[in-house]
């Protein structure tokens, strides 16, 4: 079982297709994984009480970079997972 304490990030990407290929490779090799999705538009609350999107909008922002995908595996599987997804 993957928990916060025994996992390690093996991939960070903005490309959903790249993430899907990496997940398929991990599944083929029976490596357990966890995916965390971060919406970069949600922002954090600034000193003036508004999120980045609320104050600035999305002007000039590339929509391809809206979601950030973090792929984690167990620490003991990290080397094997890195090797498996290197060819993706």
C-alpha atoms as a PDB file:
ATOM      1  CA  UNK A   1       0.000   0.000   0.000  1.00  0.00           C
ATOM      2  CA  UNK A   2       1.283   3.440  -0.910  1.00  0.00           C
ATOM      3  CA  UNK A   3       1.239   6.082   1.769  1.00  0.00           C
ATOM      4  CA  UNK A   4       2.651   9.564   2.020  1.00  0.00           C
ATOM      5  CA  UNK A   5       5.672   8.236   3.894  1.00  0.00           C
ATOM      6  CA  UNK A   6       6.717   5.352   1.614  1.00  0.00           C
ATOM      7  CA  UNK A   7       6.213   6.820  -1.854  1.00  0.00           C
ATOM      8  CA  UNK A   8       8.564   8.638  -4.207  1.00  0.00           C
ATOM      9  CA  UNK A   9       7.758  10.774  -7.253  1.00  0.00           C
ATOM     10  CA  UNK A  10       8.892   9.090 -10.439  1.00  0.00           C
ATOM     11  CA  UNK A  11       7.288  11.417 -13.005  1.00  0.00           C
ATOM     12  CA  UNK A  12       6.000  14.986 -13.231  1.00  0.00           C
ATOM     13  CA  UNK A  13       4.285  15.955 -16.469  1.00  0.00           C
ATOM     14  CA  UNK A  14       1.688  18.293 -17.933  1.00  0.00           C
ATOM     15  CA  UNK A  15       0.880  15.852 -20.772  1.00  0.00           C
ATOM     16  CA  UNK A  16      -2.021  13.483 -20.080  1.00  0.00           C
ATOM     17  CA  UNK A  17      -0.999  11.192 -22.947  1.00  0.00           C
ATOM     18  CA  UNK A  18       2.505  10.821 -21.484  1.00  0.00           C
ATOM     19  CA  UNK A  19       0.971  10.018 -18.097  1.00  0.00           C
ATOM     20  CA  UNK A  20      -1.309   7.379 -19.636  1.00  0.00           C
ATOM     21  CA  UNK A  21       1.614   5.648 -21.362  1.00  0.00           C
ATOM     22  CA  UNK A  22       3.650   5.645 -18.151  1.00  0.00           C
ATOM     23  CA  UNK A  23       0.715   4.224 -16.174  1.00  0.00           C
ATOM     24  CA  UNK A  24       0.270   1.459 -18.768  1.00  0.00           C
ATOM     25  CA  UNK A  25       3.952   0.496 -18.516  1.00  0.00           C
ATOM     26  CA  UNK A  26       3.767   0.389 -14.721  1.00  0.00           C
ATOM     27  CA  UNK A  27       0.614  -1.724 -14.828  1.00  0.00           C
ATOM     28  CA  UNK A  28       2.221  -4.174 -17.283  1.00  0.00           C
ATOM     29  CA  UNK A  29       5.100  -4.636 -14.823  1.00  0.00           C
ATOM     30  CA  UNK A  30       2.824  -4.963 -11.756  1.00  0.00           C
ATOM     31  CA  UNK A  31       4.144  -1.800 -10.108  1.00  0.00           C
ATOM     32  CA  UNK A  32       1.683  -0.067  -7.808  1.00  0.00           C
ATOM     33  CA  UNK A  33       1.351   3.687  -8.412  1.00  0.00           C
ATOM     34  CA  UNK A  34      -0.549   6.758  -7.252  1.00  0.00           C
ATOM     35  CA  UNK A  35      -1.430   9.818  -9.347  1.00  0.00           C
ATOM     36  CA  UNK A  36      -1.909  13.298  -7.929  1.00  0.00           C
ATOM     37  CA  UNK A  37      -3.478  15.963 -10.168  1.00  0.00           C
ATOM     38  CA  UNK A  38      -2.904  19.635  -9.435  1.00  0.00           C
ATOM     39  CA  UNK A  39      -4.978  22.348 -11.098  1.00  0.00           C
ATOM     40  CA  UNK A  40      -2.566  25.242 -11.522  1.00  0.00           C
ATOM     41  CA  UNK A  41      -5.446  27.669 -12.078  1.00  0.00           C
ATOM     42  CA  UNK A  42      -6.910  27.094  -8.634  1.00  0.00           C
ATOM     43  CA  UNK A  43      -4.007  28.999  -7.111  1.00  0.00           C
ATOM     44  CA  UNK A  44      -3.440  29.796  -3.500  1.00  0.00           C
ATOM     45  CA  UNK A  45      -4.844  32.666  -1.623  1.00  0.00           C
ATOM     46  CA  UNK A  46      -2.649  35.706  -1.866  1.00  0.00           C
ATOM     47  CA  UNK A  47      -2.031  38.487   0.625  1.00  0.00           C
ATOM     48  CA  UNK A  48      -5.016  40.425  -0.712  1.00  0.00           C
ATOM     49  CA  UNK A  49      -7.545  37.620  -0.319  1.00  0.00           C
ATOM     50  CA  UNK A  50      -7.899  36.553  -3.961  1.00  0.00           C
ATOM     51  CA  UNK A  51      -6.559  33.560  -5.838  1.00  0.00           C
ATOM     52  CA  UNK A  52      -4.204  34.048  -8.766  1.00  0.00           C
ATOM     53  CA  UNK A  53      -6.927  33.224 -11.290  1.00  0.00           C
ATOM     54  CA  UNK A  54      -9.436  35.559  -9.671  1.00  0.00           C
ATOM     55  CA  UNK A  55      -7.044  38.484  -9.723  1.00  0.00           C
ATOM     56  CA  UNK A  56      -5.201  37.871 -13.005  1.00  0.00           C
ATOM     57  CA  UNK A  57      -7.495  35.632 -15.050  1.00  0.00           C
ATOM     58  CA  UNK A  58      -5.999  33.299 -17.622  1.00  0.00           C
ATOM     59  CA  UNK A  59      -4.638  35.894 -20.038  1.00  0.00           C
ATOM     60  CA  UNK A  60      -1.386  34.706 -21.579  1.00  0.00           C
ATOM     61  CA  UNK A  61      -1.546  31.313 -19.904  1.00  0.00           C
ATOM     62  CA  UNK A  62      -1.160  28.217 -22.076  1.00  0.00           C
ATOM     63  CA  UNK A  63      -4.075  25.892 -21.450  1.00  0.00           C
ATOM     64  CA  UNK A  64      -1.812  22.852 -21.961  1.00  0.00           C
ATOM     65  CA  UNK A  65      -0.235  23.697 -18.607  1.00  0.00           C
ATOM     66  CA  UNK A  66      -3.461  23.877 -16.608  1.00  0.00           C
ATOM     67  CA  UNK A  67      -3.092  20.453 -14.990  1.00  0.00           C
ATOM     68  CA  UNK A  68       0.071  19.067 -13.437  1.00  0.00           C
ATOM     69  CA  UNK A  69       0.297  15.291 -13.026  1.00  0.00           C
ATOM     70  CA  UNK A  70       2.503  13.728 -10.326  1.00  0.00           C
ATOM     71  CA  UNK A  71       3.124   9.978 -10.551  1.00  0.00           C
ATOM     72  CA  UNK A  72       4.318   8.231  -7.384  1.00  0.00           C
ATOM     73  CA  UNK A  73       5.543   4.693  -6.744  1.00  0.00           C
ATOM     74  CA  UNK A  74       6.706   2.845  -3.644  1.00  0.00           C
ATOM     75  CA  UNK A  75      10.295   3.709  -2.676  1.00  0.00           C
ATOM     76  CA  UNK A  76      11.402   0.102  -3.123  1.00  0.00           C
ATOM     77  CA  UNK A  77      10.027   0.094  -6.705  1.00  0.00           C
ATOM     78  CA  UNK A  78      11.468   3.467  -7.718  1.00  0.00           C
ATOM     79  CA  UNK A  79      14.507   2.231  -9.691  1.00  0.00           C
ATOM     80  CA  UNK A  80      12.505  -0.349 -11.617  1.00  0.00           C
ATOM     81  CA  UNK A  81       9.691   2.139 -12.322  1.00  0.00           C
ATOM     82  CA  UNK A  82      12.147   4.785 -13.547  1.00  0.00           C
ATOM     83  CA  UNK A  83      13.704   2.220 -15.892  1.00  0.00           C
ATOM     84  CA  UNK A  84      10.316   1.036 -17.184  1.00  0.00           C
ATOM     85  CA  UNK A  85       8.923   4.490 -17.971  1.00  0.00           C
ATOM     86  CA  UNK A  86      12.180   5.877 -19.380  1.00  0.00           C
ATOM     87  CA  UNK A  87      11.230   4.592 -22.859  1.00  0.00           C
ATOM     88  CA  UNK A  88       7.797   6.260 -22.794  1.00  0.00           C
END
